[in-house]
Amino acid sequence: MIEKMAPFPKTLQDQASISRLGQLKQEADILSLLKEHEHQNIIKLEEIVTDNECVSITLENCQGGDLLKLLNKKASKIDVPLFMQNLLSGLRHLHELNIVHRDIKLQNILFLDTQNGNSLKIADFGLSCFKQQIPYYNPRCGTPGYTAPEVFDQQCNYDEKVDIYSAGIILYNMLTRKNPFGNSKNVQDIIKRNISGQYDESHLVNVKINNPLGYDLLIKMLQKDPRNRPSASECLKHPYLNLENGVIEDDEDKNTYESQKRVQTIKRVKI
C-alpha cells in the first residue's frame, strides 16, 4: 500500500505542518470523491485515518513502477496510443468531476502490476484542486518542464487544459525519448523555455515523417494558447488513438531521462 501522513501542527507558528496538513486534507477530499466515482486509470483510495496525532491516507499499491522508469529501460517497447488512451481517459474522468490535477508527469503515472497501458494509474493528487478553487489554492504550481505556459501568468487564469498540455509533454517524451525543453541542470533555464512554450522541434523531424498522426496530436496538445488546445474528450477522438498497433521500440541509452530525475527533486517549488 502507498501511505501519506501529515502530523497536526503543535503550534500556530508551525507553518510547514499547517501547509502540509491543509494539502493532505485537500488531497483527501478529492480522493474521497474519486472513491465514489472510480475509474480504472485513477489510483484508488483505500483508507483515510484521522487521530490525535496525524491524518494518513492509504492508496492502492502500484507495484509496476512509474512511466519514467519504463522509459529509462533500454530497448523497452511502448504502445504509445494505448498509453495515451488510458491517460486521457483518466483525465477526462477527472475533468468531468471538475478536478484539475496540475502535476501530470512521468513520475505520477504509475502501473498497478505490469508496465502496460491497461494498468496505468494517474497518481499523486497533492497539487490537485477543484476547478473553481484554482485562483485561491496555490495557483502557480506544478513541475517545471511539464507545466502549461498559462500557469506562469500573473493572473493565473487557467482551467483543466493545463493537464492536456502536461499530457502532451508525456506524449513528446514517449515519441522521442527526449525532453522538450532540453536537459539543462539549471531549473530556471527549463522554466524560461517552459514559459515561452518553445519546445525543441529538432527531435520531432522523424516523428513528423514516420508518425504523422502522432505528430498531429502532439502539436494540438502543446498549443501555447489553451483555447486552441483540445479537451481530453476531443483528444480521445483523434485518429492516432484508434490505431490497431502503435508499438514503438527504442534502444537509446536510459540516461536520456537523467534531467527528469533532477526536475523531480524540485517538483513542488512555487513558480
C-alpha atoms as a PDB file:
ATOM      1  CA  MET A   1       0.000   0.000   0.000  1.00  0.00           C
ATOM      2  CA  ILE A   2       1.008   3.634  -0.539  1.00  0.00           C
ATOM      3  CA  GLU A   3       0.642   5.757   2.593  1.00  0.00           C
ATOM      4  CA  LYS A   4       0.829   9.513   3.080  1.00  0.00           C
ATOM      5  CA  MET A   5       0.847  11.151   6.508  1.00  0.00           C
ATOM      6  CA  ALA A   6       0.752  14.681   7.906  1.00  0.00           C
ATOM      7  CA  PRO A   7       1.115  15.482  11.624  1.00  0.00           C
ATOM      8  CA  PHE A   8      -1.114  18.052  13.270  1.00  0.00           C
ATOM      9  CA  PRO A   9       0.821  21.295  13.912  1.00  0.00           C
ATOM     10  CA  LYS A  10       1.890  21.678  17.528  1.00  0.00           C
ATOM     11  CA  THR A  11       1.850  25.496  17.375  1.00  0.00           C
ATOM     12  CA  LEU A  12       0.268  28.167  15.196  1.00  0.00           C
ATOM     13  CA  GLN A  13       3.791  29.129  14.142  1.00  0.00           C
ATOM     14  CA  ASP A  14       4.438  25.705  12.639  1.00  0.00           C
ATOM     15  CA  GLN A  15       3.655  26.885   9.119  1.00  0.00           C
ATOM     16  CA  ALA A  16       5.208  23.866   7.398  1.00  0.00           C
ATOM     17  CA  SER A  17       2.954  21.450   9.277  1.00  0.00           C
ATOM     18  CA  ILE A  18      -0.090  23.667   8.735  1.00  0.00           C
ATOM     19  CA  SER A  19       0.604  23.802   4.999  1.00  0.00           C
ATOM     20  CA  ARG A  20       1.245  20.070   4.729  1.00  0.00           C
ATOM     21  CA  LEU A  21      -1.893  19.260   6.720  1.00  0.00           C
ATOM     22  CA  GLY A  22      -4.015  21.544   4.547  1.00  0.00           C
ATOM     23  CA  GLN A  23      -2.587  19.987   1.395  1.00  0.00           C
ATOM     24  CA  LEU A  24      -3.270  16.471   2.627  1.00  0.00           C
ATOM     25  CA  LYS A  25      -6.837  17.352   3.612  1.00  0.00           C
ATOM     26  CA  GLN A  26      -7.408  18.784   0.149  1.00  0.00           C
ATOM     27  CA  GLU A  27      -5.999  15.615  -1.385  1.00  0.00           C
ATOM     28  CA  ALA A  28      -8.218  13.516   0.894  1.00  0.00           C
ATOM     29  CA  ASP A  29     -11.326  15.431  -0.229  1.00  0.00           C
ATOM     30  CA  ILE A  30     -10.502  14.818  -3.885  1.00  0.00           C
ATOM     31  CA  LEU A  31      -9.643  11.154  -3.361  1.00  0.00           C
ATOM     32  CA  SER A  32     -12.863  10.653  -1.392  1.00  0.00           C
ATOM     33  CA  LEU A  33     -14.877  11.996  -4.317  1.00  0.00           C
ATOM     34  CA  LEU A  34     -12.931   9.767  -6.693  1.00  0.00           C
ATOM     35  CA  LYS A  35     -13.677   6.781  -4.476  1.00  0.00           C
ATOM     36  CA  GLU A  36     -17.369   7.463  -5.078  1.00  0.00           C
ATOM     37  CA  HIS A  37     -16.700   7.773  -8.816  1.00  0.00           C
ATOM     38  CA  GLU A  38     -13.976   5.219  -9.505  1.00  0.00           C
ATOM     39  CA  HIS A  39     -12.123   4.939 -12.795  1.00  0.00           C
ATOM     40  CA  GLN A  40      -9.743   2.188 -13.854  1.00  0.00           C
ATOM     41  CA  ASN A  41      -6.979   4.663 -14.706  1.00  0.00           C
ATOM     42  CA  ILE A  42      -7.009   6.598 -11.435  1.00  0.00           C
ATOM     43  CA  ILE A  43      -5.321   5.352  -8.275  1.00  0.00           C
ATOM     44  CA  LYS A  44      -7.843   4.163  -5.701  1.00  0.00           C
ATOM     45  CA  LEU A  45      -8.224   5.360  -2.139  1.00  0.00           C
ATOM     46  CA  GLU A  46      -8.147   2.535   0.397  1.00  0.00           C
ATOM     47  CA  GLU A  47      -8.473   4.384   3.692  1.00  0.00           C
ATOM     48  CA  ILE A  48      -8.292   7.756   5.425  1.00  0.00           C
ATOM     49  CA  VAL A  49      -7.441   7.726   9.128  1.00  0.00           C
ATOM     50  CA  THR A  50      -7.504  10.752  11.425  1.00  0.00           C
ATOM     51  CA  ASP A  51      -6.389  10.545  15.042  1.00  0.00           C
ATOM     52  CA  ASN A  52      -4.987  12.925  17.635  1.00  0.00           C
ATOM     53  CA  GLU A  53      -1.563  12.869  16.027  1.00  0.00           C
ATOM     54  CA  CYS A  54      -1.991  12.997  12.270  1.00  0.00           C
ATOM     55  CA  VAL A  55      -4.001  12.416   9.118  1.00  0.00           C
ATOM     56  CA  SER A  56      -2.974   9.459   6.966  1.00  0.00           C
ATOM     57  CA  ILE A  57      -4.108   8.357   3.509  1.00  0.00           C
ATOM     58  CA  THR A  58      -3.667   4.807   2.240  1.00  0.00           C
ATOM     59  CA  LEU A  59      -3.816   4.184  -1.519  1.00  0.00           C
ATOM     60  CA  GLU A  60      -3.825   1.039  -3.622  1.00  0.00           C
ATOM     61  CA  ASN A  61      -0.402  -0.483  -4.163  1.00  0.00           C
ATOM     62  CA  CYS A  62       1.030   0.072  -7.637  1.00  0.00           C
ATOM     63  CA  GLN A  63       3.876  -2.424  -7.901  1.00  0.00           C
ATOM     64  CA  GLY A  64       4.625  -1.827 -11.575  1.00  0.00           C
ATOM     65  CA  GLY A  65       6.650   1.337 -11.017  1.00  0.00           C
ATOM     66  CA  ASP A  66       6.166   4.569 -12.936  1.00  0.00           C
ATOM     67  CA  LEU A  67       6.373   5.696 -16.545  1.00  0.00           C
ATOM     68  CA  LEU A  68       9.752   7.359 -16.031  1.00  0.00           C
ATOM     69  CA  LYS A  69      11.291   4.028 -15.048  1.00  0.00           C
ATOM     70  CA  LEU A  70       9.712   2.361 -18.060  1.00  0.00           C
ATOM     71  CA  LEU A  71      11.159   4.944 -20.447  1.00  0.00           C
ATOM     72  CA  ASN A  72      14.557   4.520 -18.823  1.00  0.00           C
ATOM     73  CA  LYS A  73      14.593   0.826 -19.647  1.00  0.00           C
ATOM     74  CA  LYS A  74      16.847   0.051 -22.575  1.00  0.00           C
ATOM     75  CA  ALA A  75      15.025  -1.290 -25.645  1.00  0.00           C
ATOM     76  CA  SER A  76      11.622  -1.018 -23.953  1.00  0.00           C
ATOM     77  CA  LYS A  77       8.555  -1.419 -26.145  1.00  0.00           C
ATOM     78  CA  ILE A  78       5.784   1.112 -25.698  1.00  0.00           C
ATOM     79  CA  ASP A  79       2.324   1.059 -27.232  1.00  0.00           C
ATOM     80  CA  VAL A  80       2.064   4.837 -27.242  1.00  0.00           C
ATOM     81  CA  PRO A  81      -1.567   5.121 -28.450  1.00  0.00           C
ATOM     82  CA  LEU A  82      -2.705   2.656 -25.775  1.00  0.00           C
ATOM     83  CA  PHE A  83      -0.855   4.561 -23.055  1.00  0.00           C
ATOM     84  CA  MET A  84      -2.326   7.861 -24.211  1.00  0.00           C
ATOM     85  CA  GLN A  85      -5.827   6.396 -24.473  1.00  0.00           C
ATOM     86  CA  ASN A  86      -5.703   5.354 -20.832  1.00  0.00           C
ATOM     87  CA  LEU A  87      -4.065   8.560 -19.626  1.00  0.00           C
ATOM     88  CA  LEU A  88      -6.574  10.755 -21.450  1.00  0.00           C
ATOM     89  CA  SER A  89      -9.474   8.573 -20.344  1.00  0.00           C
ATOM     90  CA  GLY A  90      -8.438   9.158 -16.733  1.00  0.00           C
ATOM     91  CA  LEU A  91      -8.064  12.894 -17.349  1.00  0.00           C
ATOM     92  CA  ARG A  92     -11.472  13.083 -18.995  1.00  0.00           C
ATOM     93  CA  HIS A  93     -12.981  11.493 -15.885  1.00  0.00           C
ATOM     94  CA  LEU A  94     -11.220  13.989 -13.609  1.00  0.00           C
ATOM     95  CA  HIS A  95     -12.318  16.939 -15.707  1.00  0.00           C
ATOM     96  CA  GLU A  96     -15.929  15.750 -15.775  1.00  0.00           C
ATOM     97  CA  LEU A  97     -15.782  15.939 -11.976  1.00  0.00           C
ATOM     98  CA  ASN A  98     -14.260  19.458 -12.205  1.00  0.00           C
ATOM     99  CA  ILE A  99     -10.945  18.194 -10.823  1.00  0.00           C
ATOM    100  CA  VAL A 100      -7.708  19.640 -12.232  1.00  0.00           C
ATOM    101  CA  HIS A 101      -4.651  17.500 -11.456  1.00  0.00           C
ATOM    102  CA  ARG A 102      -1.985  20.190 -12.068  1.00  0.00           C
ATOM    103  CA  ASP A 103       1.010  17.843 -11.784  1.00  0.00           C
ATOM    104  CA  ILE A 104       0.746  15.340 -14.634  1.00  0.00           C
ATOM    105  CA  LYS A 105       4.247  13.994 -15.335  1.00  0.00           C
ATOM    106  CA  LEU A 106       6.103  10.727 -15.910  1.00  0.00           C
ATOM    107  CA  GLN A 107       6.669  10.106 -12.198  1.00  0.00           C
ATOM    108  CA  ASN A 108       2.951  10.434 -11.423  1.00  0.00           C
ATOM    109  CA  ILE A 109       1.870   7.835 -13.972  1.00  0.00           C
ATOM    110  CA  LEU A 110       2.019   4.501 -12.151  1.00  0.00           C
ATOM    111  CA  PHE A 111       1.301   0.897 -13.107  1.00  0.00           C
ATOM    112  CA  LEU A 112      -0.775  -1.444 -10.987  1.00  0.00           C
ATOM    113  CA  ASP A 113       1.295  -4.545 -11.735  1.00  0.00           C
ATOM    114  CA  THR A 114       2.762  -4.972 -15.196  1.00  0.00           C
ATOM    115  CA  GLN A 115       4.003  -1.987 -17.154  1.00  0.00           C
ATOM    116  CA  ASN A 116       1.361  -1.792 -19.842  1.00  0.00           C
ATOM    117  CA  GLY A 117      -1.185   0.825 -20.759  1.00  0.00           C
ATOM    118  CA  ASN A 118      -4.149  -1.075 -19.367  1.00  0.00           C
ATOM    119  CA  SER A 119      -2.760  -0.998 -15.808  1.00  0.00           C
ATOM    120  CA  LEU A 120      -1.925   2.721 -15.970  1.00  0.00           C
ATOM    121  CA  LYS A 121      -2.927   4.811 -12.957  1.00  0.00           C
ATOM    122  CA  ILE A 122      -2.879   8.588 -12.542  1.00  0.00           C
ATOM    123  CA  ALA A 123      -1.493   9.245  -9.053  1.00  0.00           C
ATOM    124  CA  ASP A 124      -0.348  11.967  -6.622  1.00  0.00           C
ATOM    125  CA  PHE A 125      -3.199  14.428  -6.158  1.00  0.00           C
ATOM    126  CA  GLY A 126      -1.187  16.617  -3.791  1.00  0.00           C
ATOM    127  CA  LEU A 127      -1.439  19.683  -6.063  1.00  0.00           C
ATOM    128  CA  SER A 128      -4.908  18.917  -7.387  1.00  0.00           C
ATOM    129  CA  CYS A 129      -7.891  21.145  -6.789  1.00  0.00           C
ATOM    130  CA  PHE A 130     -11.427  21.678  -7.958  1.00  0.00           C
ATOM    131  CA  LYS A 131     -11.718  23.971 -10.961  1.00  0.00           C
ATOM    132  CA  GLN A 132     -13.420  26.753  -9.003  1.00  0.00           C
ATOM    133  CA  GLN A 133     -10.567  26.749  -6.462  1.00  0.00           C
ATOM    134  CA  ILE A 134      -7.779  27.477  -8.953  1.00  0.00           C
ATOM    135  CA  PRO A 135      -7.438  31.232  -8.216  1.00  0.00           C
ATOM    136  CA  TYR A 136      -7.242  30.605  -4.469  1.00  0.00           C
ATOM    137  CA  TYR A 137      -5.451  27.299  -3.950  1.00  0.00           C
ATOM    138  CA  ASN A 138      -1.723  27.646  -4.688  1.00  0.00           C
ATOM    139  CA  PRO A 139      -2.418  28.672  -8.311  1.00  0.00           C
ATOM    140  CA  ARG A 140       1.189  28.831  -9.536  1.00  0.00           C
ATOM    141  CA  CYS A 141       2.276  25.266  -9.019  1.00  0.00           C
ATOM    142  CA  GLY A 142       3.442  22.218 -10.935  1.00  0.00           C
ATOM    143  CA  THR A 143       6.688  20.714 -12.181  1.00  0.00           C
ATOM    144  CA  PRO A 144       8.982  22.791 -14.439  1.00  0.00           C
ATOM    145  CA  GLY A 145       9.145  21.174 -17.853  1.00  0.00           C
ATOM    146  CA  TYR A 146       5.562  19.890 -17.655  1.00  0.00           C
ATOM    147  CA  THR A 147       3.634  22.987 -16.610  1.00  0.00           C
ATOM    148  CA  ALA A 148       1.398  24.731 -19.145  1.00  0.00           C
ATOM    149  CA  PRO A 149       2.617  28.259 -20.063  1.00  0.00           C
ATOM    150  CA  GLU A 150      -0.569  29.946 -18.791  1.00  0.00           C
ATOM    151  CA  VAL A 151       0.147  28.771 -15.227  1.00  0.00           C
ATOM    152  CA  PHE A 152       3.059  31.226 -15.141  1.00  0.00           C
ATOM    153  CA  ASP A 153       0.803  34.210 -15.912  1.00  0.00           C
ATOM    154  CA  GLN A 154       0.327  36.668 -13.072  1.00  0.00           C
ATOM    155  CA  GLN A 155      -3.457  36.331 -13.252  1.00  0.00           C
ATOM    156  CA  CYS A 156      -3.308  32.514 -13.127  1.00  0.00           C
ATOM    157  CA  ASN A 157      -6.490  32.417 -15.175  1.00  0.00           C
ATOM    158  CA  TYR A 158      -6.395  28.810 -16.351  1.00  0.00           C
ATOM    159  CA  ASP A 159      -8.506  25.667 -16.363  1.00  0.00           C
ATOM    160  CA  GLU A 160      -8.289  21.901 -16.919  1.00  0.00           C
ATOM    161  CA  LYS A 161      -6.498  22.446 -20.239  1.00  0.00           C
ATOM    162  CA  VAL A 162      -3.256  22.661 -18.228  1.00  0.00           C
ATOM    163  CA  ASP A 163      -3.489  18.877 -17.780  1.00  0.00           C
ATOM    164  CA  ILE A 164      -3.761  18.410 -21.549  1.00  0.00           C
ATOM    165  CA  TYR A 165      -0.536  20.355 -22.062  1.00  0.00           C
ATOM    166  CA  SER A 166       1.247  18.218 -19.456  1.00  0.00           C
ATOM    167  CA  ALA A 167      -0.083  15.060 -21.114  1.00  0.00           C
ATOM    168  CA  GLY A 168       1.278  16.444 -24.388  1.00  0.00           C
ATOM    169  CA  ILE A 169       4.722  16.655 -22.792  1.00  0.00           C
ATOM    170  CA  ILE A 170       4.403  12.987 -21.849  1.00  0.00           C
ATOM    171  CA  LEU A 171       3.443  12.169 -25.436  1.00  0.00           C
ATOM    172  CA  TYR A 172       6.561  14.055 -26.589  1.00  0.00           C
ATOM    173  CA  ASN A 173       8.646  12.021 -24.094  1.00  0.00           C
ATOM    174  CA  MET A 174       7.270   8.729 -25.387  1.00  0.00           C
ATOM    175  CA  LEU A 175       7.556   9.550 -29.091  1.00  0.00           C
ATOM    176  CA  THR A 176      11.088  10.952 -28.952  1.00  0.00           C
ATOM    177  CA  ARG A 177      12.667   9.658 -25.706  1.00  0.00           C
ATOM    178  CA  LYS A 178      13.801  13.265 -25.254  1.00  0.00           C
ATOM    179  CA  ASN A 179      12.879  16.246 -23.089  1.00  0.00           C
ATOM    180  CA  PRO A 180      11.100  19.034 -24.999  1.00  0.00           C
ATOM    181  CA  PHE A 181      12.831  21.844 -23.097  1.00  0.00           C
ATOM    182  CA  GLY A 182      16.326  20.368 -23.073  1.00  0.00           C
ATOM    183  CA  ASN A 183      18.496  18.750 -20.426  1.00  0.00           C
ATOM    184  CA  SER A 184      19.781  21.828 -18.626  1.00  0.00           C
ATOM    185  CA  LYS A 185      20.807  21.348 -14.989  1.00  0.00           C
ATOM    186  CA  ASN A 186      19.589  24.896 -14.348  1.00  0.00           C
ATOM    187  CA  VAL A 187      15.921  24.789 -13.372  1.00  0.00           C
ATOM    188  CA  GLN A 188      15.489  28.461 -14.309  1.00  0.00           C
ATOM    189  CA  ASP A 189      16.561  27.647 -17.879  1.00  0.00           C
ATOM    190  CA  ILE A 190      13.870  24.967 -18.063  1.00  0.00           C
ATOM    191  CA  ILE A 191      11.263  27.346 -16.630  1.00  0.00           C
ATOM    192  CA  LYS A 192      12.217  30.067 -19.135  1.00  0.00           C
ATOM    193  CA  ARG A 193      11.740  27.689 -22.069  1.00  0.00           C
ATOM    194  CA  ASN A 194       8.611  26.306 -20.475  1.00  0.00           C
ATOM    195  CA  ILE A 195       7.053  29.779 -20.210  1.00  0.00           C
ATOM    196  CA  SER A 196       7.819  30.514 -23.861  1.00  0.00           C
ATOM    197  CA  GLY A 197       6.219  27.261 -24.967  1.00  0.00           C
ATOM    198  CA  GLN A 198       9.067  26.846 -27.454  1.00  0.00           C
ATOM    199  CA  TYR A 199       9.775  23.131 -27.259  1.00  0.00           C
ATOM    200  CA  ASP A 200      12.645  21.553 -29.215  1.00  0.00           C
ATOM    201  CA  GLU A 201      11.283  20.676 -32.659  1.00  0.00           C
ATOM    202  CA  SER A 202      14.521  19.076 -33.863  1.00  0.00           C
ATOM    203  CA  HIS A 203      13.566  15.825 -32.112  1.00  0.00           C
ATOM    204  CA  LEU A 204      10.251  15.763 -33.992  1.00  0.00           C
ATOM    205  CA  VAL A 205      11.649  15.602 -37.537  1.00  0.00           C
ATOM    206  CA  ASN A 206      11.470  11.806 -37.740  1.00  0.00           C
ATOM    207  CA  VAL A 207       8.179  11.716 -35.839  1.00  0.00           C
ATOM    208  CA  LYS A 208       6.619  14.073 -38.382  1.00  0.00           C
ATOM    209  CA  ILE A 209       7.749  11.834 -41.252  1.00  0.00           C
ATOM    210  CA  ASN A 210       7.187   8.384 -39.766  1.00  0.00           C
ATOM    211  CA  ASN A 211       4.272   9.067 -37.444  1.00  0.00           C
ATOM    212  CA  PRO A 212       2.241  11.968 -38.874  1.00  0.00           C
ATOM    213  CA  LEU A 213      -0.870  11.185 -36.816  1.00  0.00           C
ATOM    214  CA  GLY A 214       1.101  11.094 -33.572  1.00  0.00           C
ATOM    215  CA  TYR A 215       2.803  14.335 -34.566  1.00  0.00           C
ATOM    216  CA  ASP A 216      -0.541  15.971 -35.317  1.00  0.00           C
ATOM    217  CA  LEU A 217      -1.996  15.079 -31.914  1.00  0.00           C
ATOM    218  CA  LEU A 218       1.176  16.236 -30.169  1.00  0.00           C
ATOM    219  CA  ILE A 219       1.136  19.649 -31.853  1.00  0.00           C
ATOM    220  CA  LYS A 220      -2.513  20.124 -30.899  1.00  0.00           C
ATOM    221  CA  MET A 221      -1.927  19.203 -27.247  1.00  0.00           C
ATOM    222  CA  LEU A 222       1.083  21.529 -26.961  1.00  0.00           C
ATOM    223  CA  GLN A 223      -0.658  24.635 -28.284  1.00  0.00           C
ATOM    224  CA  LYS A 224       0.519  27.575 -26.193  1.00  0.00           C
ATOM    225  CA  ASP A 225      -2.927  29.178 -26.285  1.00  0.00           C
ATOM    226  CA  PRO A 226      -5.213  26.914 -24.216  1.00  0.00           C
ATOM    227  CA  ARG A 227      -8.195  27.989 -26.321  1.00  0.00           C
ATOM    228  CA  ASN A 228      -6.623  26.121 -29.240  1.00  0.00           C
ATOM    229  CA  ARG A 229      -5.849  23.058 -27.137  1.00  0.00           C
ATOM    230  CA  PRO A 230      -8.279  20.111 -27.394  1.00  0.00           C
ATOM    231  CA  SER A 231     -10.115  18.729 -24.386  1.00  0.00           C
ATOM    232  CA  ALA A 232      -9.448  15.198 -23.180  1.00  0.00           C
ATOM    233  CA  SER A 233     -12.635  14.049 -24.928  1.00  0.00           C
ATOM    234  CA  GLU A 234     -11.522  15.647 -28.185  1.00  0.00           C
ATOM    235  CA  CYS A 235      -8.071  14.076 -27.900  1.00  0.00           C
ATOM    236  CA  LEU A 236      -9.640  10.645 -27.473  1.00  0.00           C
ATOM    237  CA  LYS A 237     -11.405  11.073 -30.817  1.00  0.00           C
ATOM    238  CA  HIS A 238      -8.129  11.717 -32.643  1.00  0.00           C
ATOM    239  CA  PRO A 239      -7.331   9.046 -35.274  1.00  0.00           C
ATOM    240  CA  TYR A 240      -3.892   8.422 -33.750  1.00  0.00           C
ATOM    241  CA  LEU A 241      -5.533   6.902 -30.691  1.00  0.00           C
ATOM    242  CA  ASN A 242      -7.531   4.500 -32.809  1.00  0.00           C
ATOM    243  CA  LEU A 243      -4.592   2.750 -34.474  1.00  0.00           C
ATOM    244  CA  GLU A 244      -4.522  -1.031 -34.281  1.00  0.00           C
ATOM    245  CA  ASN A 245      -0.822  -1.161 -33.495  1.00  0.00           C
ATOM    246  CA  GLY A 246       1.167   1.756 -32.170  1.00  0.00           C
ATOM    247  CA  VAL A 247       4.068  -0.105 -30.589  1.00  0.00           C
ATOM    248  CA  ILE A 248       7.420   1.595 -30.942  1.00  0.00           C
ATOM    249  CA  GLU A 249      10.820   0.313 -29.935  1.00  0.00           C
ATOM    250  CA  ASP A 250      13.718   2.368 -28.748  1.00  0.00           C
ATOM    251  CA  ASP A 251      17.191   1.362 -27.644  1.00  0.00           C
ATOM    252  CA  GLU A 252      18.569   4.762 -26.694  1.00  0.00           C
ATOM    253  CA  ASP A 253      20.621   4.979 -23.551  1.00  0.00           C
ATOM    254  CA  LYS A 254      18.478   5.023 -20.434  1.00  0.00           C
ATOM    255  CA  ASN A 255      20.378   8.040 -19.149  1.00  0.00           C
ATOM    256  CA  THR A 256      18.352  10.170 -21.562  1.00  0.00           C
ATOM    257  CA  TYR A 257      15.994  10.952 -18.707  1.00  0.00           C
ATOM    258  CA  GLU A 258      18.516  11.969 -16.061  1.00  0.00           C
ATOM    259  CA  SER A 259      17.207  15.533 -16.240  1.00  0.00           C
ATOM    260  CA  GLN A 260      13.712  14.275 -15.462  1.00  0.00           C
ATOM    261  CA  LYS A 261      15.089  12.900 -12.197  1.00  0.00           C
ATOM    262  CA  ARG A 262      16.639  16.259 -11.393  1.00  0.00           C
ATOM    263  CA  VAL A 263      13.345  18.010 -12.004  1.00  0.00           C
ATOM    264  CA  GLN A 264      11.617  15.553  -9.682  1.00  0.00           C
ATOM    265  CA  THR A 265      13.587  16.892  -6.729  1.00  0.00           C
ATOM    266  CA  ILE A 266      12.117  20.379  -7.157  1.00  0.00           C
ATOM    267  CA  LYS A 267       8.630  19.318  -8.199  1.00  0.00           C
ATOM    268  CA  ARG A 268       6.783  21.333  -5.575  1.00  0.00           C
ATOM    269  CA  VAL A 269       8.781  24.550  -5.780  1.00  0.00           C
ATOM    270  CA  LYS A 270       6.485  27.533  -6.227  1.00  0.00           C
ATOM    271  CA  ILE A 271       6.785  29.018  -9.679  1.00  0.00           C
END
